[in-house]
Amino acid sequence: MDHLTTLVETKKAEVSALERLLRMAMRIIRRANRRLAVRQKPPEEIPLELVPYSID
């Protein structure tokens, strides 16, 4: 059972790190889109995979 617990905790940490990276990617896209809007250019499309990580 010790090995299983360690494995689950490791995977949870990996998932948390990936979610953090996805949220960062979403922030970067939103920031870029704000800059594009200032220049009156069309925004970049937000990949559907990132939508759940939006911080609206």
C-alpha atoms as a PDB file:
ATOM      1  CA  MET A   1       0.000   0.000   0.000  1.00  0.00           C
ATOM      2  CA  ASP A   2       2.935   2.348   0.583  1.00  0.00           C
ATOM      3  CA  HIS A   3       3.968   2.212  -3.070  1.00  0.00           C
ATOM      4  CA  LEU A   4       0.418   2.976  -4.214  1.00  0.00           C
ATOM      5  CA  THR A   5       0.159   5.964  -1.882  1.00  0.00           C
ATOM      6  CA  THR A   6       3.459   7.326  -3.155  1.00  0.00           C
ATOM      7  CA  LEU A   7       2.352   6.842  -6.749  1.00  0.00           C
ATOM      8  CA  VAL A   8      -0.958   8.647  -6.173  1.00  0.00           C
ATOM      9  CA  GLU A   9       0.764  11.556  -4.429  1.00  0.00           C
ATOM     10  CA  THR A  10       3.307  11.825  -7.244  1.00  0.00           C
ATOM     11  CA  LYS A  11       0.588  11.859  -9.892  1.00  0.00           C
ATOM     12  CA  LYS A  12      -1.398  14.476  -7.946  1.00  0.00           C
ATOM     13  CA  ALA A  13       1.690  16.704  -7.880  1.00  0.00           C
ATOM     14  CA  GLU A  14       2.193  16.205 -11.626  1.00  0.00           C
ATOM     15  CA  VAL A  15      -1.440  17.085 -12.346  1.00  0.00           C
ATOM     16  CA  SER A  16      -1.201  20.193 -10.172  1.00  0.00           C
ATOM     17  CA  ALA A  17       1.939  21.304 -12.005  1.00  0.00           C
ATOM     18  CA  LEU A  18       0.277  20.748 -15.387  1.00  0.00           C
ATOM     19  CA  GLU A  19      -2.830  22.655 -14.322  1.00  0.00           C
ATOM     20  CA  ARG A  20      -0.633  25.524 -13.162  1.00  0.00           C
ATOM     21  CA  LEU A  21       1.091  25.569 -16.571  1.00  0.00           C
ATOM     22  CA  LEU A  22      -2.271  25.548 -18.364  1.00  0.00           C
ATOM     23  CA  ARG A  23      -3.465  28.506 -16.285  1.00  0.00           C
ATOM     24  CA  MET A  24      -0.233  30.340 -17.115  1.00  0.00           C
ATOM     25  CA  ALA A  25      -0.782  29.628 -20.816  1.00  0.00           C
ATOM     26  CA  MET A  26      -4.297  31.020 -20.553  1.00  0.00           C
ATOM     27  CA  ARG A  27      -2.986  34.200 -18.907  1.00  0.00           C
ATOM     28  CA  ILE A  28      -0.370  34.607 -21.645  1.00  0.00           C
ATOM     29  CA  ILE A  29      -2.996  34.258 -24.381  1.00  0.00           C
ATOM     30  CA  ARG A  30      -5.323  36.740 -22.677  1.00  0.00           C
ATOM     31  CA  ARG A  31      -2.480  39.237 -22.239  1.00  0.00           C
ATOM     32  CA  ALA A  32      -1.508  38.843 -25.891  1.00  0.00           C
ATOM     33  CA  ASN A  33      -5.133  39.319 -26.940  1.00  0.00           C
ATOM     34  CA  ARG A  34      -5.377  42.540 -24.931  1.00  0.00           C
ATOM     35  CA  ARG A  35      -2.258  43.826 -26.709  1.00  0.00           C
ATOM     36  CA  LEU A  36      -3.695  42.825 -30.073  1.00  0.00           C
ATOM     37  CA  ALA A  37      -6.961  44.606 -29.248  1.00  0.00           C
ATOM     38  CA  VAL A  38      -5.036  47.810 -28.514  1.00  0.00           C
ATOM     39  CA  ARG A  39      -3.485  47.528 -31.975  1.00  0.00           C
ATOM     40  CA  GLN A  40      -6.927  46.779 -33.436  1.00  0.00           C
ATOM     41  CA  LYS A  41      -5.875  43.341 -34.643  1.00  0.00           C
ATOM     42  CA  PRO A  42      -7.906  40.139 -34.375  1.00  0.00           C
ATOM     43  CA  PRO A  43      -7.338  38.112 -31.198  1.00  0.00           C
ATOM     44  CA  GLU A  44      -5.663  34.739 -31.114  1.00  0.00           C
ATOM     45  CA  GLU A  45      -8.036  31.834 -30.780  1.00  0.00           C
ATOM     46  CA  ILE A  46      -8.092  30.212 -27.364  1.00  0.00           C
ATOM     47  CA  PRO A  47      -7.710  26.430 -27.706  1.00  0.00           C
ATOM     48  CA  LEU A  48     -10.742  24.616 -26.330  1.00  0.00           C
ATOM     49  CA  GLU A  49      -8.448  22.577 -24.092  1.00  0.00           C
ATOM     50  CA  LEU A  50      -7.508  25.747 -22.179  1.00  0.00           C
ATOM     51  CA  VAL A  51     -11.036  27.077 -21.642  1.00  0.00           C
ATOM     52  CA  PRO A  52     -11.565  25.095 -18.393  1.00  0.00           C
ATOM     53  CA  TYR A  53      -8.458  26.845 -17.002  1.00  0.00           C
ATOM     54  CA  SER A  54      -9.738  30.343 -17.664  1.00  0.00           C
ATOM     55  CA  ILE A  55      -9.540  32.686 -14.693  1.00  0.00           C
ATOM     56  CA  ASP A  56     -12.359  35.030 -15.745  1.00  0.00           C
END
